[in-house]
Every structure is written in structure tokens, then in C-alpha cells.
Amino acid sequence: MTALRLRLAGLRRNRDFNNVIYSLLSYCITPVVLFISTPLLLRHLGDQQYGLWILIQSVLNVLAVSNFGLGNALIKLGSESDSEERFNALFRVTLTLSVILAVSASLFLLLFGTYIFPLLVKAGGLDTVLSVSYFLSGIIGIRIINGILSGAYMAKQRYDLNSKVNIVFNLASSIGFTILAVMYGDLYLLVQWMFVFTVLLAVCNVFVTRKALPGLRFAPYFERDSFRRLFHYGIYSWGQMLISTLNAQMDKLIIGGFLGAKVLGYYTVCMQVVVKIHEIPAAAGGYLLPKFSSLSKSDDRREIRRTYHQSLVIAISFVGAAGLAAFVLAKPILSLWISPEFAEAHYVLFQVLVLSVSLGALGVVPYYCLNGTGYVRLNTAISLLTTLVTMGLFVLLIPRYGAIGIGLGKFVGIPLVVFSLYYVEKVVLNGSGQRREPVREGTMESI
């Protein structure tokens, strides 16, 4: 018994273990709340307003790419910093740039939102979206800064802190939105409270960052070397983020544009369950970026291989088990969650999405490995090619097959997932190719 207690105590002190466990909790607790809240939101907002609520969140996620990859660049380069002084300088430069970007993005959306939103929203819901554009501009700006605050402690491989904060705020916001929808059924009120929760999250992250990194300074600062290093990595990370965001949100925008908010509503209901097959391993493996970065800097090939293979086995096991269960139990899941009528009408869509998302999720670990070991250009090229071809297929398939065309279009990314797996195994882990390192501290070498 004493040995078991010592082993459990050791696990609790293990940072990798905590990162994985709390990241998993973050993506396991939230779906429980969504399982309860989605039918209530759908019922009390109605098909049209619920579809617009999903569309607004998709628009916000697309516009969030205006941070130009600063958060990921801070995580990557901060994990490689060999002194607290260098890390402090890097953080302050990143925070200064993020404030400038946040103000610029918010002003841009305020001034040109009336031209941007009509490109993303059909006429039926355009007036509603325009009426909340002031709140949306504020949300975008605050989210940009918030990404830097959380990125500071994530660079120190404290993904567990980020997960704890997200668990609390995701639960609070989901419960709050559900109560507001049931009591008032007013989309405008929901967006107002989304703004409030975004402000509270940023304030909370300020306190968490100060506690986790007590020596960190928040004063504005600019340094050319730090800026160049952030730019060299951030521009590729931003490209990946832009591609990833389009890949994750463009399906909703295309469905909303081609088929309307009602169809978008039932498609999103299905995806809320299915996407967790990808999101859970992606969240659990988030710490792998700074982990691979740190190991790559020390050129510890043996530990890189061990970490990669161990993570890949766990990811494949989860994806296989979750995908199989979701595919077989498609009807019971939708019947229990929404209604038997909904399940009968949409279980085929659910199954197609399960297959395509599950196969795509096998690329999560190679993705982190390529970015962490310096192959960010290759990763960006793979992501860009996948997204362009997938979006082209969406446009071709949706008019013919409806929402199922989205699931069919996602299959195009499978060959590139296979390529990533092959490339990491044969080139990155074996060192048979020339490594493409990001800019190092005090150097001008580009990626």
C-alpha cells in the first residue's frame, strides 16, 4: 500500500502526467455539459437562432487568426529560452505586439464589419449579427491578448493550468448560456454574456500567469531580436492556425451560406459529439509542442522517439475505440441526446462524420512532432494543401449531397495524414533528412 501511495504521489508530481490528465478532463467534462445544454438551446432558441448562434461562434473563431500566431510562437520559443531574463523579454515583446494587434483588429471589425459579415452570413440572419458586432469586435481583441497570457505558462509546460482555467470557464459559460436561453430565448443577450465571460477569462489568466511565473513583468517592451524570432516562427504558425481555423470553421460557413442556418444547426449538433474524437487527443497532446521543442534543442533523439511512439500508440488506441463506439451507436446516441426522430433523419451524416474525423485524428501526434522538431514549413504546406482541396470539395459536394458532402470532403486529408506518419518515422526520428531548426536565441538563422 505504501508503494502504491508513493507511486501515485510520484504521478501527481509528474508534469507530463498532469498535462495529459487535466487536458483530458477539459475535453471530457465540457461535452457532458454540451450533452445537456444543446437540446435546451435548440428548443428554446429555435432552429434559426440556434444556427445563428453557431455561426457567430464560427465567425469569431475565424477572426481569431488575427493574432498572427503570437501565442504559439511564445510557447515554442519560450520553451527554448535558457534564462528567465530572455523569457521575460520575449513575453513582454509578445504582449506588446498582442495589444497592438488586439486594438487594430477590434477597430477594423468596428469600421468594416458591415462589409465583412455579409460575406459570411446569409441575409436571413445578417441583421442579428450586425446588431451584436460591437460585442464581437471586443471579444476578438480580448481573445488575442488572452492567448498570450495563457501562452506564457504553457511555454513552461504548464498545460494543466490552462486546462483547469478552461474547465471552470467552459462549465460556467455553458451553464450560463443555457439558463439565459431557457429564460429569455434571446440571442442578443447570449452574445452580451459571451463578452462578459471573455473579459472574466482574461482577468483570471492575468492572476494565474502572475502566480505561476512570479518574476514575469507586464510592462510594454520592444526588442528587435525577440521580434525577429517571433516573426520567423510566428508567421508559419499563423499560417497553420489560419489553415486549421478555416479547416475547422469553413464547413459551418459554407453550410450556412449554401443551405441556411437550420441545416447548419443539425450538422453542428452531430459535429459537437464527433469532433471530440479529434479534440481530445489534440488537447491531451498539446504539451507535446514544448516537449518536442525542448528535446529537439538538446538533440535527444532517443527521448524524442520514445515520446513520439508512446504518444502515438495512446492516440491511435483512443481514436480507434471512440470512433468505433460512435459509429456503431450513432442512432442510440442521437436518440438519447436529441430525439428518435432526429436520430432517424441524421444518423447517416453522423456516421460519415465519425469515419472522416477519426481518420484525420491520427495525424495529431505527427503534427506536434513536426512543429516541435523544426519542420514547421512542411507542416504548413501539408495543412494548406489539405484545406484547399477539402474546401474545393465542400463547394462541389454540398449542393449535391447536402451536409453529408462535408463528411465526404474531409476524406481527402487522409493521404496527407499517412504521409505525415511516414515522414516523421523515416526522416524526423531517424535523422535521415536535414533538420530545419527555428531561429535560436541570439542568432539570425531563419526557419
Protein backbone atom coordinates (compact mmCIF):
# COMPACT_ATOMS: atom_id res chain seq x y z
CA MET A 1 0.00 0.00 0.00
CA THR A 2 2.87 2.35 0.84
CA ALA A 3 4.50 1.64 -2.53
CA LEU A 4 1.21 2.41 -4.28
CA ARG A 5 0.84 5.70 -2.42
CA LEU A 6 4.39 6.65 -3.33
CA ARG A 7 3.73 5.78 -6.97
CA LEU A 8 0.52 7.85 -7.03
CA ALA A 9 2.33 10.74 -5.35
CA GLY A 10 5.04 10.49 -8.00
CA LEU A 11 2.45 10.60 -10.76
CA ARG A 12 0.84 13.70 -9.27
CA ARG A 13 4.24 15.42 -9.35
CA ASN A 14 4.89 14.31 -12.94
CA ARG A 15 4.30 17.31 -15.20
CA ASP A 16 3.57 15.29 -18.35
CA PHE A 17 1.02 13.21 -16.45
CA ASN A 18 -0.71 16.32 -15.08
CA ASN A 19 -0.72 17.96 -18.50
CA VAL A 20 -2.40 14.95 -20.10
CA ILE A 21 -4.90 14.29 -17.30
CA TYR A 22 -6.13 17.88 -16.98
CA SER A 23 -6.23 18.36 -20.75
CA LEU A 24 -8.38 15.23 -20.98
CA LEU A 25 -10.61 16.46 -18.16
CA SER A 26 -11.03 19.75 -20.01
CA TYR A 27 -12.36 17.94 -23.06
CA CYS A 28 -14.34 15.30 -21.20
CA ILE A 29 -16.24 17.50 -18.74
CA THR A 30 -17.34 20.08 -21.31
CA PRO A 31 -19.08 17.51 -23.58
CA VAL A 32 -21.16 16.40 -20.58
CA VAL A 33 -22.48 19.95 -20.23
CA LEU A 34 -23.00 20.22 -24.01
CA PHE A 35 -24.90 16.94 -23.94
CA ILE A 36 -27.38 18.58 -21.60
CA SER A 37 -27.34 22.13 -22.96
CA THR A 38 -27.58 21.52 -26.73
CA PRO A 39 -31.15 20.15 -26.76
CA LEU A 40 -32.25 23.01 -24.48
CA LEU A 41 -30.58 25.65 -26.66
CA LEU A 42 -32.08 24.09 -29.77
CA ARG A 43 -35.55 24.01 -28.23
CA HIS A 44 -35.63 27.48 -26.67
CA LEU A 45 -33.70 29.42 -29.32
CA GLY A 46 -35.33 27.63 -32.23
CA ASP A 47 -33.65 26.23 -35.34
CA GLN A 48 -32.93 29.64 -36.88
CA GLN A 49 -31.48 31.37 -33.80
CA TYR A 50 -29.52 28.28 -32.76
CA GLY A 51 -27.97 28.10 -36.23
CA LEU A 52 -27.05 31.79 -35.98
CA TRP A 53 -25.52 31.21 -32.52
CA ILE A 54 -23.28 28.52 -34.02
CA LEU A 55 -22.49 30.75 -36.99
CA ILE A 56 -21.47 33.66 -34.73
CA GLN A 57 -19.07 31.38 -32.84
CA SER A 58 -17.64 30.16 -36.15
CA VAL A 59 -17.11 33.74 -37.35
CA LEU A 60 -15.34 34.57 -34.07
CA ASN A 61 -13.08 31.53 -34.44
CA VAL A 62 -12.18 32.55 -38.00
CA LEU A 63 -11.44 36.15 -37.00
CA ALA A 64 -9.30 34.94 -34.07
CA VAL A 65 -6.49 34.20 -36.54
CA SER A 66 -5.71 37.93 -36.43
CA ASN A 67 -3.24 37.17 -33.61
CA PHE A 68 -0.70 36.15 -36.31
CA GLY A 69 0.50 33.09 -34.39
CA LEU A 70 1.99 35.07 -31.49
CA GLY A 71 0.66 32.69 -28.83
CA ASN A 72 2.16 29.59 -30.44
CA ALA A 73 5.42 31.43 -31.15
CA LEU A 74 5.68 32.37 -27.45
CA ILE A 75 5.06 28.75 -26.41
CA LYS A 76 7.62 27.40 -28.87
CA LEU A 77 10.40 29.95 -28.35
CA GLY A 78 9.68 30.42 -24.64
CA SER A 79 10.15 26.69 -24.03
CA GLU A 80 13.63 27.01 -25.60
CA SER A 81 14.72 30.09 -23.60
CA ASP A 82 17.76 29.32 -21.47
CA SER A 83 17.26 32.12 -18.93
CA GLU A 84 14.41 33.89 -17.18
CA GLU A 85 15.70 37.24 -18.45
CA ARG A 86 15.39 36.13 -22.08
CA PHE A 87 11.97 34.64 -21.41
CA ASN A 88 10.82 37.86 -19.76
CA ALA A 89 11.96 39.92 -22.73
CA LEU A 90 10.24 37.53 -25.13
CA PHE A 91 6.98 37.67 -23.17
CA ARG A 92 6.95 41.46 -22.92
CA VAL A 93 7.58 41.90 -26.64
CA THR A 94 4.85 39.36 -27.43
CA LEU A 95 2.39 41.03 -25.06
CA THR A 96 3.14 44.47 -26.54
CA LEU A 97 2.55 43.19 -30.08
CA SER A 98 -0.65 41.42 -29.00
CA VAL A 99 -2.11 44.64 -27.55
CA ILE A 100 -1.36 46.47 -30.80
CA LEU A 101 -2.97 43.66 -32.81
CA ALA A 102 -5.97 43.48 -30.47
CA VAL A 103 -6.73 47.19 -30.79
CA SER A 104 -6.19 47.08 -34.56
CA ALA A 105 -8.41 44.01 -35.04
CA SER A 106 -11.21 45.46 -32.89
CA LEU A 107 -11.16 48.79 -34.72
CA PHE A 108 -11.03 47.06 -38.10
CA LEU A 109 -14.10 44.98 -37.25
CA LEU A 110 -15.97 48.01 -35.93
CA LEU A 111 -15.23 50.04 -39.07
CA PHE A 112 -15.62 47.34 -41.70
CA GLY A 113 -17.91 44.77 -40.05
CA THR A 114 -20.83 45.87 -42.23
CA TYR A 115 -18.80 44.78 -45.27
CA ILE A 116 -17.28 41.61 -43.76
CA PHE A 117 -20.33 39.97 -42.18
CA PRO A 118 -22.46 39.95 -45.35
CA LEU A 119 -19.75 37.73 -46.90
CA LEU A 120 -20.13 35.18 -44.09
CA VAL A 121 -23.82 35.30 -43.15
CA LYS A 122 -26.93 34.86 -45.25
CA ALA A 123 -29.40 37.72 -45.44
CA GLY A 124 -31.85 35.97 -43.09
CA GLY A 125 -29.54 36.35 -40.09
CA LEU A 126 -27.46 39.33 -41.15
CA ASP A 127 -29.39 41.95 -39.13
CA THR A 128 -28.97 39.92 -35.95
CA VAL A 129 -25.21 39.52 -36.44
CA LEU A 130 -24.72 43.21 -37.28
CA SER A 131 -26.61 44.20 -34.12
CA VAL A 132 -24.00 42.45 -31.96
CA SER A 133 -20.94 43.47 -34.00
CA TYR A 134 -19.73 45.83 -31.22
CA PHE A 135 -19.53 42.94 -28.77
CA LEU A 136 -17.88 40.68 -31.35
CA SER A 137 -15.11 43.22 -32.01
CA GLY A 138 -14.38 43.42 -28.28
CA ILE A 139 -14.35 39.63 -27.91
CA ILE A 140 -11.80 39.29 -30.72
CA GLY A 141 -9.42 41.85 -29.20
CA ILE A 142 -9.56 40.37 -25.71
CA ARG A 143 -9.05 36.82 -27.02
CA ILE A 144 -5.85 37.90 -28.78
CA ILE A 145 -4.37 39.21 -25.51
CA ASN A 146 -5.70 36.24 -23.55
CA GLY A 147 -3.83 33.84 -25.85
CA ILE A 148 -0.53 35.48 -24.84
CA LEU A 149 -1.32 35.35 -21.13
CA SER A 150 -2.04 31.63 -21.20
CA GLY A 151 0.84 31.05 -23.63
CA ALA A 152 3.31 32.33 -21.01
CA TYR A 153 2.74 29.47 -18.57
CA MET A 154 2.08 26.94 -21.33
CA ALA A 155 5.62 27.67 -22.56
CA LYS A 156 6.76 26.30 -19.20
CA GLN A 157 4.82 23.09 -19.97
CA ARG A 158 2.01 24.08 -17.58
CA TYR A 159 -0.82 22.95 -19.83
CA ASP A 160 -2.52 21.64 -16.70
CA LEU A 161 -3.09 25.25 -15.54
CA ASN A 162 -4.61 26.19 -18.87
CA SER A 163 -6.92 23.17 -18.69
CA LYS A 164 -8.03 23.99 -15.15
CA VAL A 165 -8.92 27.55 -16.15
CA ASN A 166 -10.74 26.35 -19.26
CA ILE A 167 -12.70 23.73 -17.31
CA VAL A 168 -14.04 26.35 -14.91
CA PHE A 169 -14.91 28.93 -17.57
CA ASN A 170 -16.31 26.47 -20.10
CA LEU A 171 -18.59 25.00 -17.45
CA ALA A 172 -19.65 28.43 -16.17
CA SER A 173 -20.29 29.86 -19.64
CA SER A 174 -22.11 26.76 -20.94
CA ILE A 175 -24.39 26.67 -17.89
CA GLY A 176 -24.91 30.43 -18.08
CA PHE A 177 -25.80 30.38 -21.79
CA THR A 178 -28.24 27.52 -21.23
CA ILE A 179 -30.01 29.30 -18.37
CA LEU A 180 -30.26 32.51 -20.41
CA ALA A 181 -31.62 30.64 -23.42
CA VAL A 182 -34.24 28.83 -21.34
CA MET A 183 -35.33 32.00 -19.51
CA TYR A 184 -35.23 34.53 -22.35
CA GLY A 185 -34.56 32.76 -25.69
CA ASP A 186 -32.69 35.89 -26.80
CA LEU A 187 -29.59 35.52 -29.00
CA TYR A 188 -28.55 39.15 -28.41
CA LEU A 189 -28.39 38.53 -24.65
CA LEU A 190 -26.24 35.43 -25.17
CA VAL A 191 -23.66 37.41 -27.15
CA GLN A 192 -23.58 40.11 -24.45
CA TRP A 193 -22.74 37.49 -21.85
CA MET A 194 -20.17 35.92 -24.14
CA PHE A 195 -18.36 39.26 -24.00
CA VAL A 196 -18.61 39.32 -20.19
CA PHE A 197 -17.20 35.78 -19.88
CA THR A 198 -14.35 36.67 -22.26
CA VAL A 199 -13.35 39.62 -20.05
CA LEU A 200 -13.52 37.49 -16.91
CA LEU A 201 -11.36 34.79 -18.52
CA ALA A 202 -8.66 37.35 -19.40
CA VAL A 203 -8.68 38.76 -15.85
CA CYS A 204 -8.38 35.25 -14.42
CA ASN A 205 -5.44 34.47 -16.72
CA VAL A 206 -3.62 37.59 -15.51
CA PHE A 207 -3.77 36.27 -11.93
CA VAL A 208 -2.84 32.71 -12.96
CA THR A 209 0.14 33.94 -15.00
CA ARG A 210 1.41 36.13 -12.15
CA LYS A 211 1.14 33.24 -9.69
CA ALA A 212 2.74 30.64 -11.98
CA LEU A 213 5.53 32.98 -13.10
CA PRO A 214 6.06 35.45 -10.23
CA GLY A 215 9.06 37.15 -11.85
CA LEU A 216 7.21 37.97 -15.07
CA ARG A 217 6.83 41.62 -15.96
CA PHE A 218 3.89 43.03 -17.91
CA ALA A 219 5.37 46.41 -18.92
CA PRO A 220 5.46 47.22 -22.67
CA TYR A 221 8.77 46.43 -24.31
CA PHE A 222 10.27 46.07 -27.78
CA GLU A 223 13.45 44.30 -28.79
CA ARG A 224 14.45 43.69 -32.39
CA ASP A 225 15.97 40.23 -31.85
CA SER A 226 12.90 38.93 -29.99
CA PHE A 227 10.62 40.44 -32.63
CA ARG A 228 12.54 38.75 -35.45
CA ARG A 229 12.47 35.38 -33.72
CA LEU A 230 8.74 35.71 -33.02
CA PHE A 231 8.12 36.72 -36.61
CA HIS A 232 10.17 33.88 -38.14
CA TYR A 233 8.31 31.21 -36.21
CA GLY A 234 5.01 33.03 -35.76
CA ILE A 235 4.41 33.64 -39.47
CA TYR A 236 4.43 29.90 -40.17
CA SER A 237 2.49 29.12 -37.02
CA TRP A 238 -0.03 31.78 -38.07
CA GLY A 239 -0.29 30.14 -41.48
CA GLN A 240 -1.03 26.82 -39.80
CA MET A 241 -3.54 28.46 -37.47
CA LEU A 242 -5.27 30.19 -40.37
CA ILE A 243 -5.41 26.93 -42.30
CA SER A 244 -6.55 24.95 -39.26
CA THR A 245 -9.24 27.51 -38.42
CA LEU A 246 -10.54 27.54 -41.97
CA ASN A 247 -10.50 23.75 -41.95
CA ALA A 248 -12.45 23.66 -38.68
CA GLN A 249 -14.90 26.51 -39.35
CA MET A 250 -15.28 26.80 -43.11
CA ASP A 251 -17.62 23.81 -43.20
CA LYS A 252 -20.06 25.74 -41.00
CA LEU A 253 -19.71 28.95 -43.02
CA ILE A 254 -20.21 27.07 -46.31
CA ILE A 255 -23.25 25.19 -44.98
CA GLY A 256 -24.68 28.43 -43.61
CA GLY A 257 -24.14 30.09 -46.99
CA PHE A 258 -25.42 27.23 -49.17
CA LEU A 259 -28.05 25.54 -47.02
CA GLY A 260 -29.03 28.08 -44.34
CA ALA A 261 -28.95 28.30 -40.55
CA LYS A 262 -31.44 25.45 -39.96
CA VAL A 263 -29.29 22.83 -41.73
CA LEU A 264 -26.23 24.29 -40.02
CA GLY A 265 -27.97 23.65 -36.70
CA TYR A 266 -28.43 19.90 -37.12
CA TYR A 267 -24.99 19.49 -38.74
CA THR A 268 -23.41 21.22 -35.73
CA VAL A 269 -25.35 19.01 -33.32
CA CYS A 270 -23.75 15.95 -34.93
CA MET A 271 -20.29 17.53 -35.03
CA GLN A 272 -20.39 18.51 -31.35
CA VAL A 273 -20.06 14.83 -30.48
CA VAL A 274 -17.93 13.67 -33.41
CA VAL A 275 -15.29 16.41 -33.20
CA LYS A 276 -14.32 15.27 -29.70
CA ILE A 277 -12.68 12.23 -31.31
CA HIS A 278 -10.14 14.72 -32.70
CA GLU A 279 -10.19 17.37 -29.97
CA ILE A 280 -9.47 15.06 -27.03
CA PRO A 281 -6.14 13.69 -28.35
CA ALA A 282 -5.28 17.18 -29.65
CA ALA A 283 -5.88 18.67 -26.20
CA ALA A 284 -4.16 15.84 -24.33
CA GLY A 285 -1.14 16.12 -26.63
CA GLY A 286 -0.91 19.91 -26.58
CA TYR A 287 2.05 19.80 -24.22
CA LEU A 288 3.97 17.85 -26.88
CA LEU A 289 4.86 21.07 -28.74
CA PRO A 290 7.08 22.50 -25.97
CA LYS A 291 8.16 18.95 -25.05
CA PHE A 292 9.43 18.15 -28.56
CA SER A 293 10.91 21.65 -28.82
CA SER A 294 12.94 21.20 -25.64
CA LEU A 295 14.11 17.70 -26.67
CA SER A 296 14.95 18.93 -30.16
CA LYS A 297 17.12 21.71 -28.82
CA SER A 298 19.18 19.19 -26.82
CA ASP A 299 19.10 16.80 -29.82
CA ASP A 300 17.89 13.93 -27.62
CA ARG A 301 16.79 11.63 -30.46
CA ARG A 302 16.21 8.65 -28.23
CA GLU A 303 13.78 10.53 -25.98
CA ILE A 304 12.07 12.12 -29.00
CA ARG A 305 11.45 8.66 -30.45
CA ARG A 306 10.22 7.28 -27.13
CA THR A 307 7.86 10.21 -26.52
CA TYR A 308 6.54 10.10 -30.09
CA HIS A 309 5.86 6.37 -30.20
CA GLN A 310 4.29 6.31 -26.75
CA SER A 311 2.01 9.24 -27.62
CA LEU A 312 1.09 7.75 -30.99
CA VAL A 313 0.06 4.40 -29.50
CA ILE A 314 -2.16 6.12 -26.93
CA ALA A 315 -3.73 8.38 -29.58
CA ILE A 316 -4.44 5.51 -32.01
CA SER A 317 -5.97 3.42 -29.21
CA PHE A 318 -8.28 6.23 -28.16
CA VAL A 319 -9.29 7.22 -31.69
CA GLY A 320 -9.96 3.60 -32.68
CA ALA A 321 -12.08 2.85 -29.61
CA ALA A 322 -14.01 6.13 -29.64
CA GLY A 323 -14.57 6.08 -33.41
CA LEU A 324 -15.85 2.51 -33.40
CA ALA A 325 -18.20 3.14 -30.48
CA ALA A 326 -19.59 6.35 -32.03
CA PHE A 327 -20.13 4.70 -35.43
CA VAL A 328 -21.94 1.64 -34.02
CA LEU A 329 -24.01 3.62 -31.51
CA ALA A 330 -24.90 6.53 -33.82
CA LYS A 331 -28.68 6.05 -33.56
CA PRO A 332 -28.83 5.45 -29.79
CA ILE A 333 -26.58 8.45 -29.11
CA LEU A 334 -28.71 10.85 -31.16
CA SER A 335 -31.98 9.32 -29.91
CA LEU A 336 -31.00 9.66 -26.26
CA TRP A 337 -29.49 13.10 -26.73
CA ILE A 338 -31.95 14.84 -29.05
CA SER A 339 -34.87 12.64 -30.15
CA PRO A 340 -35.60 9.39 -32.07
CA GLU A 341 -36.89 11.45 -35.00
CA PHE A 342 -33.68 13.45 -35.15
CA ALA A 343 -31.63 10.25 -34.99
CA GLU A 344 -33.54 8.60 -37.82
CA ALA A 345 -33.10 11.65 -40.04
CA HIS A 346 -29.41 12.31 -39.39
CA TYR A 347 -27.61 9.16 -38.18
CA VAL A 348 -26.02 8.55 -41.62
CA LEU A 349 -24.49 12.03 -41.54
CA PHE A 350 -23.24 11.28 -38.03
CA GLN A 351 -21.57 8.03 -39.17
CA VAL A 352 -19.89 9.61 -42.19
CA LEU A 353 -18.50 12.37 -39.97
CA VAL A 354 -17.25 9.81 -37.44
CA LEU A 355 -15.24 7.98 -40.11
CA SER A 356 -13.67 11.07 -41.65
CA VAL A 357 -12.86 12.80 -38.34
CA SER A 358 -11.43 9.61 -36.79
CA LEU A 359 -9.04 9.01 -39.67
CA GLY A 360 -7.96 12.65 -39.64
CA ALA A 361 -7.28 12.50 -35.87
CA LEU A 362 -4.44 10.03 -36.48
CA GLY A 363 -2.35 13.00 -37.64
CA VAL A 364 -2.43 14.84 -34.29
CA VAL A 365 0.81 13.44 -32.83
CA PRO A 366 2.82 13.76 -36.09
CA TYR A 367 1.59 17.36 -36.32
CA TYR A 368 3.02 18.27 -32.90
CA CYS A 369 6.22 16.34 -33.61
CA LEU A 370 6.88 18.14 -36.90
CA ASN A 371 6.27 21.57 -35.37
CA GLY A 372 8.33 20.84 -32.28
CA THR A 373 11.32 19.43 -34.15
CA GLY A 374 11.54 22.35 -36.58
CA TYR A 375 9.61 21.13 -39.64
CA VAL A 376 7.05 23.91 -39.39
CA ARG A 377 7.28 24.75 -43.12
CA LEU A 378 6.45 21.20 -44.13
CA ASN A 379 3.57 21.10 -41.65
CA THR A 380 2.22 24.37 -43.04
CA ALA A 381 2.42 23.07 -46.62
CA ILE A 382 0.60 19.85 -45.67
CA SER A 383 -2.12 21.78 -43.84
CA LEU A 384 -2.54 24.26 -46.69
CA LEU A 385 -2.85 21.56 -49.34
CA THR A 386 -5.36 19.63 -47.23
CA THR A 387 -7.50 22.70 -46.58
CA LEU A 388 -7.56 23.97 -50.17
CA VAL A 389 -8.56 20.62 -51.63
CA THR A 390 -11.10 19.98 -48.85
CA MET A 391 -12.74 23.37 -49.26
CA GLY A 392 -12.93 22.85 -53.02
CA LEU A 393 -14.69 19.54 -52.47
CA PHE A 394 -17.09 21.16 -49.97
CA VAL A 395 -18.21 23.64 -52.61
CA LEU A 396 -18.68 20.83 -55.16
CA LEU A 397 -20.30 18.24 -52.90
CA ILE A 398 -22.62 20.28 -50.64
CA PRO A 399 -25.02 21.40 -53.41
CA ARG A 400 -25.35 17.75 -54.49
CA TYR A 401 -25.25 15.80 -51.21
CA GLY A 402 -26.18 18.43 -48.64
CA ALA A 403 -24.47 18.29 -45.24
CA ILE A 404 -23.18 14.77 -45.93
CA GLY A 405 -20.95 16.35 -48.59
CA ILE A 406 -18.90 17.86 -45.73
CA GLY A 407 -18.15 14.41 -44.33
CA LEU A 408 -17.23 13.09 -47.77
CA GLY A 409 -14.96 16.07 -48.45
CA LYS A 410 -12.99 15.52 -45.24
CA PHE A 411 -11.73 12.14 -46.51
CA VAL A 412 -9.36 13.93 -48.88
CA GLY A 413 -6.98 14.66 -46.00
CA ILE A 414 -6.31 11.00 -45.22
CA PRO A 415 -3.41 10.54 -47.73
CA LEU A 416 -1.62 13.52 -46.21
CA VAL A 417 -2.06 12.10 -42.71
CA VAL A 418 -0.42 8.90 -43.95
CA PHE A 419 2.41 10.98 -45.45
CA SER A 420 2.96 12.77 -42.11
CA LEU A 421 3.17 9.46 -40.27
CA TYR A 422 5.66 8.13 -42.83
CA TYR A 423 7.79 11.29 -42.88
CA VAL A 424 8.12 11.51 -39.11
CA GLU A 425 9.05 7.83 -38.85
CA LYS A 426 11.54 7.70 -41.72
CA VAL A 427 13.05 11.20 -41.69
CA VAL A 428 12.49 13.04 -38.41
CA LEU A 429 13.02 10.22 -35.92
CA ASN A 430 15.87 8.60 -37.81
CA GLY A 431 17.59 11.88 -38.62
CA SER A 432 17.94 10.89 -42.30
CA GLY A 433 16.87 14.33 -43.51
CA GLN A 434 18.24 17.79 -42.81
CA ARG A 435 16.52 19.25 -39.79
CA ARG A 436 15.01 22.69 -40.24
CA GLU A 437 15.54 24.40 -36.94
CA PRO A 438 13.72 27.57 -35.95
CA VAL A 439 15.67 30.66 -35.04
CA ARG A 440 17.84 30.13 -31.96
CA GLU A 441 18.49 32.53 -29.14
CA GLY A 442 20.87 35.25 -30.28
CA THR A 443 21.06 34.12 -33.92
CA MET A 444 19.61 35.35 -37.17
CA GLU A 445 19.14 31.93 -38.74
CA SER A 446 15.69 31.59 -40.27
CA ILE A 447 13.50 28.54 -40.18
